[in-house]
């Protein structure tokens, strides 16, 4: 007598495969039913209101503003060149280390402290001297250049 070609485990595996196939088919049908394909263009549109927020309704044409694209600035605007008389500043020496050759100038207008090195000096300075100078950006901030003692 011959044994049956299918064992119990084979039958269970076949049942499992059939169930997985059925589940997969049901999920596919559910996705087809809830898909968003086929919507009209108006349903897919998003609008910006006057405050820059997304909205599903079109903005009020009365509140619409028009812009000239040449007037728009993207990024940081370029700094205009200052006239030469504004480049020259006045200050007082607040600290000067003769051994190391550097010091600080306190600007009369802004009360800002500006670093200077003795290479930029044209004559000998002491603390408390009044002077005129120009500034430029150094690696660590503003640096005084073209320093001249006031008479």
N, C-alpha and C. Protein backbone atom coordinates (compact mmCIF):
# COMPACT_ATOMS: atom_id res chain seq x y z
N UNK A 1 0.82 -1.15 0.00
CA UNK A 1 0.00 0.00 0.00
C UNK A 1 0.88 1.23 0.00
N UNK A 2 0.55 2.17 -0.86
CA UNK A 2 1.36 3.37 -1.01
C UNK A 2 0.88 4.46 -0.06
N UNK A 3 1.85 5.22 0.35
CA UNK A 3 1.52 6.34 1.25
C UNK A 3 1.02 7.52 0.44
N UNK A 4 0.27 8.35 1.06
CA UNK A 4 -0.25 9.56 0.42
C UNK A 4 0.93 10.48 0.09
N UNK A 5 0.86 11.20 -1.03
CA UNK A 5 1.94 12.09 -1.49
C UNK A 5 2.07 13.35 -0.64
N UNK A 6 1.04 13.68 0.09
CA UNK A 6 1.11 14.91 0.88
C UNK A 6 1.10 14.57 2.36
N UNK A 7 2.05 15.17 3.06
CA UNK A 7 2.10 14.99 4.51
C UNK A 7 1.34 16.13 5.19
N UNK A 8 1.23 16.02 6.49
CA UNK A 8 0.50 17.04 7.26
C UNK A 8 1.18 18.41 7.13
N UNK A 9 2.50 18.49 7.21
CA UNK A 9 3.22 19.77 7.15
C UNK A 9 3.09 20.39 5.76
N UNK A 10 3.06 19.57 4.72
CA UNK A 10 2.88 20.11 3.37
C UNK A 10 1.51 20.74 3.24
N UNK A 11 0.48 20.09 3.79
CA UNK A 11 -0.87 20.65 3.73
C UNK A 11 -0.94 21.97 4.48
N UNK A 12 -0.27 22.07 5.64
CA UNK A 12 -0.27 23.31 6.43
C UNK A 12 0.43 24.43 5.68
N UNK A 13 1.55 24.12 5.03
CA UNK A 13 2.27 25.14 4.26
C UNK A 13 1.43 25.63 3.09
N UNK A 14 0.73 24.74 2.43
CA UNK A 14 -0.16 25.13 1.32
C UNK A 14 -1.27 26.05 1.83
N UNK A 15 -1.86 25.71 2.97
CA UNK A 15 -2.90 26.57 3.55
C UNK A 15 -2.34 27.95 3.87
N UNK A 16 -1.13 28.00 4.42
CA UNK A 16 -0.50 29.27 4.78
C UNK A 16 -0.25 30.11 3.53
N UNK A 17 0.26 29.51 2.48
CA UNK A 17 0.52 30.24 1.23
C UNK A 17 -0.78 30.78 0.64
N UNK A 18 -1.84 29.98 0.66
CA UNK A 18 -3.13 30.43 0.14
C UNK A 18 -3.66 31.61 0.95
N UNK A 19 -3.51 31.55 2.29
CA UNK A 19 -3.97 32.64 3.15
C UNK A 19 -3.17 33.92 2.87
N UNK A 20 -1.83 33.82 2.72
CA UNK A 20 -1.00 34.97 2.42
C UNK A 20 -1.40 35.59 1.07
N UNK A 21 -1.68 34.73 0.10
CA UNK A 21 -2.09 35.21 -1.23
C UNK A 21 -3.41 35.95 -1.13
N UNK A 22 -4.35 35.41 -0.35
CA UNK A 22 -5.65 36.05 -0.16
C UNK A 22 -5.50 37.39 0.56
N UNK A 23 -4.65 37.45 1.61
CA UNK A 23 -4.41 38.70 2.35
C UNK A 23 -3.80 39.77 1.44
N UNK A 24 -2.85 39.34 0.62
CA UNK A 24 -2.20 40.26 -0.31
C UNK A 24 -3.21 40.82 -1.30
N UNK A 25 -4.09 39.98 -1.80
CA UNK A 25 -5.13 40.41 -2.75
C UNK A 25 -6.09 41.40 -2.08
N UNK A 26 -6.48 41.14 -0.82
CA UNK A 26 -7.38 42.04 -0.09
C UNK A 26 -6.73 43.40 0.15
N UNK A 27 -5.45 43.42 0.52
CA UNK A 27 -4.74 44.69 0.73
C UNK A 27 -4.66 45.49 -0.55
N UNK A 28 -4.41 44.81 -1.67
CA UNK A 28 -4.34 45.48 -2.96
C UNK A 28 -5.68 46.13 -3.31
N UNK A 29 -6.78 45.38 -3.08
CA UNK A 29 -8.11 45.92 -3.35
C UNK A 29 -8.41 47.12 -2.46
N UNK A 30 -8.00 47.05 -1.21
CA UNK A 30 -8.22 48.16 -0.26
C UNK A 30 -7.44 49.40 -0.72
N UNK A 31 -6.17 49.23 -1.15
CA UNK A 31 -5.37 50.37 -1.64
C UNK A 31 -6.01 50.99 -2.87
N UNK A 32 -6.52 50.17 -3.77
CA UNK A 32 -7.19 50.69 -4.96
C UNK A 32 -8.40 51.51 -4.60
N UNK A 33 -9.13 51.08 -3.57
CA UNK A 33 -10.35 51.79 -3.17
C UNK A 33 -10.04 53.13 -2.51
N UNK A 34 -8.94 53.23 -1.78
CA UNK A 34 -8.62 54.47 -1.04
C UNK A 34 -7.57 55.32 -1.73
N UNK A 35 -7.18 54.98 -2.92
CA UNK A 35 -6.14 55.74 -3.60
C UNK A 35 -6.61 57.16 -3.90
N UNK A 36 -5.63 58.06 -4.00
CA UNK A 36 -5.96 59.46 -4.28
C UNK A 36 -5.74 59.79 -5.75
N UNK A 37 -5.45 58.79 -6.54
CA UNK A 37 -5.28 59.02 -7.97
C UNK A 37 -6.63 59.38 -8.57
N UNK A 38 -6.56 60.17 -9.61
CA UNK A 38 -7.78 60.53 -10.30
C UNK A 38 -8.44 61.77 -9.72
N UNK A 39 -7.79 62.42 -8.75
CA UNK A 39 -8.36 63.66 -8.21
C UNK A 39 -8.25 64.75 -9.27
N UNK A 40 -9.10 65.72 -9.15
CA UNK A 40 -9.04 66.83 -10.09
C UNK A 40 -7.87 67.75 -9.71
N UNK A 41 -7.46 68.59 -10.62
CA UNK A 41 -6.35 69.50 -10.37
C UNK A 41 -6.67 70.45 -9.22
N UNK A 42 -7.91 70.91 -9.16
CA UNK A 42 -8.29 71.83 -8.08
C UNK A 42 -8.19 71.18 -6.70
N UNK A 43 -8.46 69.86 -6.63
CA UNK A 43 -8.35 69.18 -5.34
C UNK A 43 -6.90 69.03 -4.89
N UNK A 44 -5.98 69.02 -5.84
CA UNK A 44 -4.56 68.85 -5.51
C UNK A 44 -3.84 70.18 -5.29
N UNK A 45 -4.45 71.31 -5.59
CA UNK A 45 -3.80 72.62 -5.50
C UNK A 45 -3.67 73.07 -4.05
N UNK A 46 -2.59 73.75 -3.77
CA UNK A 46 -2.38 74.39 -2.47
C UNK A 46 -2.06 75.86 -2.75
N UNK A 47 -2.56 76.75 -1.94
CA UNK A 47 -2.38 78.18 -2.14
C UNK A 47 -1.67 78.78 -0.94
N UNK A 48 -1.05 79.93 -1.16
CA UNK A 48 -0.46 80.70 -0.07
C UNK A 48 -1.37 81.88 0.22
N UNK A 49 -1.71 82.08 1.49
CA UNK A 49 -2.51 83.25 1.83
C UNK A 49 -1.59 84.45 2.02
N UNK A 50 -2.16 85.60 2.40
CA UNK A 50 -1.39 86.85 2.51
C UNK A 50 -0.34 86.79 3.62
N UNK A 51 -0.47 85.82 4.54
CA UNK A 51 0.49 85.68 5.64
C UNK A 51 1.56 84.64 5.35
N UNK A 52 1.50 84.01 4.18
CA UNK A 52 2.49 83.01 3.80
C UNK A 52 2.15 81.61 4.27
N UNK A 53 0.92 81.37 4.73
CA UNK A 53 0.50 80.05 5.19
C UNK A 53 -0.18 79.29 4.06
N UNK A 54 -0.03 77.95 4.06
CA UNK A 54 -0.68 77.13 3.04
C UNK A 54 -2.18 77.07 3.31
N UNK A 55 -2.95 77.09 2.23
CA UNK A 55 -4.40 77.07 2.34
C UNK A 55 -4.96 76.28 1.18
N UNK A 56 -6.18 75.74 1.35
CA UNK A 56 -6.83 75.00 0.26
C UNK A 56 -7.71 75.91 -0.58
N UNK A 57 -7.96 77.12 -0.11
CA UNK A 57 -8.79 78.06 -0.86
C UNK A 57 -7.89 79.09 -1.53
N UNK A 58 -8.26 79.55 -2.72
CA UNK A 58 -7.44 80.55 -3.39
C UNK A 58 -7.47 81.88 -2.63
N UNK A 59 -6.40 82.67 -2.71
CA UNK A 59 -6.35 83.94 -1.99
C UNK A 59 -7.33 84.96 -2.58
N UNK A 60 -7.68 85.92 -1.75
CA UNK A 60 -8.57 86.99 -2.16
C UNK A 60 -7.83 87.89 -3.15
N UNK A 61 -8.35 88.10 -4.37
CA UNK A 61 -7.63 88.93 -5.35
C UNK A 61 -7.48 90.38 -4.90
N UNK A 62 -8.33 90.85 -3.99
CA UNK A 62 -8.23 92.23 -3.52
C UNK A 62 -6.99 92.42 -2.64
N UNK A 63 -6.56 91.36 -1.96
CA UNK A 63 -5.41 91.46 -1.07
C UNK A 63 -4.11 91.10 -1.77
N UNK A 64 -4.17 90.77 -3.06
CA UNK A 64 -2.99 90.34 -3.80
C UNK A 64 -2.05 91.52 -4.05
N UNK A 65 -0.76 91.28 -3.87
CA UNK A 65 0.26 92.30 -4.09
C UNK A 65 1.10 91.89 -5.28
N UNK A 66 1.57 92.87 -6.04
CA UNK A 66 2.45 92.58 -7.16
C UNK A 66 3.85 93.07 -6.81
N UNK A 67 4.85 92.31 -7.23
CA UNK A 67 6.23 92.64 -6.96
C UNK A 67 7.00 92.70 -8.26
N UNK A 68 7.94 93.61 -8.29
CA UNK A 68 8.86 93.69 -9.42
C UNK A 68 10.08 92.84 -9.06
N UNK A 69 10.42 91.88 -9.87
CA UNK A 69 11.50 90.96 -9.52
C UNK A 69 12.86 91.66 -9.42
N UNK A 70 13.04 92.81 -10.07
CA UNK A 70 14.30 93.53 -9.95
C UNK A 70 14.47 94.16 -8.57
N UNK A 71 13.35 94.44 -7.89
CA UNK A 71 13.41 95.06 -6.57
C UNK A 71 13.73 94.08 -5.46
N UNK A 72 13.59 92.78 -5.73
CA UNK A 72 13.83 91.78 -4.69
C UNK A 72 15.33 91.57 -4.51
N UNK A 73 15.75 91.50 -3.24
CA UNK A 73 17.15 91.25 -2.92
C UNK A 73 17.25 89.89 -2.26
N UNK A 74 18.04 89.04 -2.84
CA UNK A 74 18.26 87.72 -2.26
C UNK A 74 19.67 87.73 -1.68
N UNK A 75 19.78 87.45 -0.40
CA UNK A 75 21.07 87.45 0.27
C UNK A 75 21.31 88.78 0.96
N UNK A 76 22.54 89.00 1.35
CA UNK A 76 22.91 90.20 2.08
C UNK A 76 23.22 91.31 1.07
N UNK A 77 22.61 92.51 1.26
CA UNK A 77 22.91 93.59 0.32
C UNK A 77 24.36 94.03 0.46
N UNK A 78 24.94 94.47 -0.64
CA UNK A 78 26.31 94.93 -0.62
C UNK A 78 26.41 96.23 0.16
N UNK A 79 27.48 96.35 0.93
CA UNK A 79 27.69 97.57 1.71
C UNK A 79 28.22 98.65 0.79
N UNK A 80 27.60 99.82 0.89
CA UNK A 80 28.04 100.93 0.05
C UNK A 80 29.34 101.49 0.61
N UNK A 81 30.19 101.99 -0.28
CA UNK A 81 31.45 102.58 0.16
C UNK A 81 31.17 103.87 0.93
N UNK A 82 31.85 104.00 2.07
CA UNK A 82 31.68 105.19 2.90
C UNK A 82 32.58 106.30 2.37
N UNK A 83 32.16 107.57 2.53
CA UNK A 83 33.04 108.66 2.12
C UNK A 83 34.31 108.67 2.99
N UNK A 84 35.42 109.19 2.48
CA UNK A 84 36.69 109.13 3.21
C UNK A 84 36.64 109.78 4.59
N UNK A 85 35.84 110.83 4.75
CA UNK A 85 35.79 111.51 6.06
C UNK A 85 35.12 110.65 7.13
N UNK A 86 34.27 109.69 6.72
CA UNK A 86 33.65 108.80 7.69
C UNK A 86 34.54 107.61 8.03
N UNK A 87 35.52 107.33 7.20
CA UNK A 87 36.44 106.23 7.48
C UNK A 87 37.42 106.58 8.60
N UNK A 88 37.77 107.85 8.71
CA UNK A 88 38.72 108.28 9.73
C UNK A 88 37.97 108.44 11.05
N UNK A 89 38.47 107.75 12.08
CA UNK A 89 37.84 107.77 13.40
C UNK A 89 38.77 108.44 14.39
N UNK A 90 38.17 108.84 15.52
CA UNK A 90 38.94 109.44 16.60
C UNK A 90 38.82 108.57 17.83
N UNK A 91 39.91 108.49 18.60
CA UNK A 91 39.89 107.68 19.79
C UNK A 91 40.98 108.04 20.77
N UNK A 92 40.99 107.30 21.89
CA UNK A 92 41.97 107.51 22.96
C UNK A 92 42.64 106.16 23.26
N UNK A 93 43.97 106.19 23.47
CA UNK A 93 44.68 104.97 23.81
C UNK A 93 44.33 104.60 25.25
N UNK A 94 43.72 103.41 25.44
CA UNK A 94 43.34 102.98 26.79
C UNK A 94 44.37 102.01 27.36
N UNK A 95 45.10 101.31 26.51
CA UNK A 95 46.11 100.35 26.97
C UNK A 95 47.17 100.22 25.90
N UNK A 96 48.45 100.23 26.34
CA UNK A 96 49.54 100.02 25.39
C UNK A 96 50.67 99.29 26.09
N UNK A 97 51.02 98.11 25.60
CA UNK A 97 52.11 97.31 26.15
C UNK A 97 53.31 97.49 25.23
N UNK A 98 54.28 98.27 25.68
CA UNK A 98 55.45 98.56 24.83
C UNK A 98 56.33 97.33 24.65
N UNK A 99 56.35 96.45 25.64
CA UNK A 99 57.20 95.25 25.55
C UNK A 99 56.69 94.31 24.46
N UNK A 100 55.37 94.14 24.37
CA UNK A 100 54.81 93.23 23.38
C UNK A 100 54.38 93.95 22.10
N UNK A 101 54.25 95.27 22.15
CA UNK A 101 53.99 96.05 20.94
C UNK A 101 52.55 96.08 20.48
N UNK A 102 51.60 95.97 21.41
CA UNK A 102 50.20 96.08 21.01
C UNK A 102 49.44 96.90 22.05
N UNK A 103 48.23 97.32 21.66
CA UNK A 103 47.39 98.09 22.58
C UNK A 103 45.97 98.16 22.08
N UNK A 104 45.18 98.99 22.79
CA UNK A 104 43.77 99.16 22.44
C UNK A 104 43.41 100.63 22.42
N UNK A 105 42.55 100.97 21.48
CA UNK A 105 42.05 102.34 21.34
C UNK A 105 40.56 102.30 21.62
N UNK A 106 40.07 103.26 22.41
CA UNK A 106 38.63 103.36 22.66
C UNK A 106 38.09 104.45 21.75
N UNK A 107 37.16 104.06 20.86
CA UNK A 107 36.55 105.00 19.91
C UNK A 107 35.73 106.04 20.66
N UNK A 108 35.88 107.32 20.29
CA UNK A 108 35.17 108.40 20.98
C UNK A 108 33.67 108.32 20.74
N UNK A 109 33.24 108.00 19.52
CA UNK A 109 31.81 107.97 19.21
C UNK A 109 31.13 106.70 19.70
N UNK A 110 31.66 105.54 19.35
CA UNK A 110 30.98 104.27 19.62
C UNK A 110 31.39 103.62 20.93
N UNK A 111 32.45 104.12 21.57
CA UNK A 111 33.00 103.53 22.80
C UNK A 111 33.47 102.09 22.58
N UNK A 112 33.73 101.75 21.32
CA UNK A 112 34.20 100.42 20.96
C UNK A 112 35.71 100.34 21.16
N UNK A 113 36.19 99.21 21.65
CA UNK A 113 37.62 99.01 21.85
C UNK A 113 38.20 98.36 20.60
N UNK A 114 39.24 98.97 20.03
CA UNK A 114 39.84 98.50 18.78
C UNK A 114 41.31 98.15 19.03
N UNK A 115 41.73 96.99 18.58
CA UNK A 115 43.11 96.53 18.73
C UNK A 115 44.02 97.25 17.75
N UNK A 116 45.27 97.52 18.18
CA UNK A 116 46.27 98.01 17.23
C UNK A 116 47.63 97.40 17.57
N UNK A 117 48.51 97.37 16.56
CA UNK A 117 49.87 96.85 16.74
C UNK A 117 50.83 97.99 16.44
N UNK A 118 52.01 97.96 17.05
CA UNK A 118 52.96 99.06 16.89
C UNK A 118 53.46 99.21 15.46
N UNK A 119 53.28 98.19 14.60
CA UNK A 119 53.67 98.33 13.19
C UNK A 119 52.85 99.41 12.48
N UNK A 120 51.66 99.71 13.00
CA UNK A 120 50.79 100.70 12.38
C UNK A 120 51.04 102.12 12.90
N UNK A 121 51.97 102.28 13.84
CA UNK A 121 52.23 103.59 14.43
C UNK A 121 53.24 104.37 13.60
N UNK A 122 53.03 105.70 13.54
CA UNK A 122 54.00 106.57 12.87
C UNK A 122 54.88 107.28 13.90
N UNK A 123 54.41 107.38 15.15
CA UNK A 123 55.19 108.01 16.22
C UNK A 123 54.89 107.30 17.53
N UNK A 124 55.66 107.60 18.56
CA UNK A 124 55.55 106.96 19.87
C UNK A 124 54.24 107.36 20.55
N UNK A 125 53.54 106.38 21.16
CA UNK A 125 52.27 106.64 21.85
C UNK A 125 52.38 106.28 23.33
N UNK A 126 51.53 106.91 24.12
CA UNK A 126 51.38 106.58 25.54
C UNK A 126 49.90 106.43 25.83
N UNK A 127 49.58 105.81 26.96
CA UNK A 127 48.17 105.69 27.35
C UNK A 127 47.59 107.07 27.57
N UNK A 128 46.37 107.29 27.09
CA UNK A 128 45.67 108.57 27.23
C UNK A 128 45.86 109.50 26.05
N UNK A 129 46.71 109.16 25.10
CA UNK A 129 46.92 110.00 23.92
C UNK A 129 45.68 109.97 23.03
N UNK A 130 45.35 111.14 22.47
CA UNK A 130 44.24 111.23 21.51
C UNK A 130 44.81 111.06 20.11
N UNK A 131 44.06 110.33 19.27
CA UNK A 131 44.58 110.06 17.94
C UNK A 131 43.46 109.84 16.93
N UNK A 132 43.85 109.82 15.65
CA UNK A 132 42.92 109.48 14.56
C UNK A 132 43.42 108.18 13.93
N UNK A 133 42.48 107.40 13.41
CA UNK A 133 42.84 106.10 12.84
C UNK A 133 41.74 105.64 11.90
N UNK A 134 42.05 104.60 11.16
CA UNK A 134 41.08 103.92 10.31
C UNK A 134 41.01 102.47 10.78
N UNK A 135 39.93 101.77 10.40
CA UNK A 135 39.82 100.37 10.82
C UNK A 135 39.69 99.45 9.61
N UNK A 136 40.11 98.23 9.82
CA UNK A 136 39.88 97.15 8.84
C UNK A 136 39.65 95.88 9.64
N UNK A 137 39.05 94.89 9.00
CA UNK A 137 38.77 93.63 9.69
C UNK A 137 40.01 92.75 9.68
N UNK A 138 40.41 92.32 10.88
CA UNK A 138 41.52 91.39 11.03
C UNK A 138 40.97 90.00 11.29
N UNK A 139 41.82 89.05 11.62
CA UNK A 139 41.35 87.68 11.86
C UNK A 139 40.44 87.54 13.08
N UNK A 140 40.59 88.45 14.06
CA UNK A 140 39.79 88.35 15.29
C UNK A 140 38.87 89.55 15.50
N UNK A 141 38.70 90.41 14.50
CA UNK A 141 37.80 91.56 14.65
C UNK A 141 38.44 92.81 14.07
N UNK A 142 37.94 93.98 14.51
CA UNK A 142 38.44 95.25 13.99
C UNK A 142 39.87 95.50 14.43
N UNK A 143 40.68 96.05 13.51
CA UNK A 143 42.07 96.39 13.78
C UNK A 143 42.29 97.82 13.30
N UNK A 144 42.98 98.63 14.11
CA UNK A 144 43.25 100.01 13.75
C UNK A 144 44.47 100.06 12.83
N UNK A 145 44.37 100.91 11.77
CA UNK A 145 45.48 101.12 10.85
C UNK A 145 45.63 102.61 10.64
N UNK A 146 46.75 103.04 10.05
CA UNK A 146 47.02 104.44 9.76
C UNK A 146 46.80 105.32 11.00
N UNK A 147 47.43 104.97 12.09
CA UNK A 147 47.23 105.67 13.36
C UNK A 147 48.12 106.92 13.40
N UNK A 148 47.49 108.07 13.71
CA UNK A 148 48.24 109.33 13.80
C UNK A 148 47.83 110.05 15.08
N UNK A 149 48.81 110.58 15.78
CA UNK A 149 48.58 111.31 17.02
C UNK A 149 48.02 112.69 16.69
N UNK A 150 46.98 113.11 17.47
CA UNK A 150 46.42 114.45 17.28
C UNK A 150 47.32 115.45 17.99
N UNK A 151 47.45 116.61 17.43
CA UNK A 151 48.30 117.65 18.02
C UNK A 151 47.55 118.46 19.05
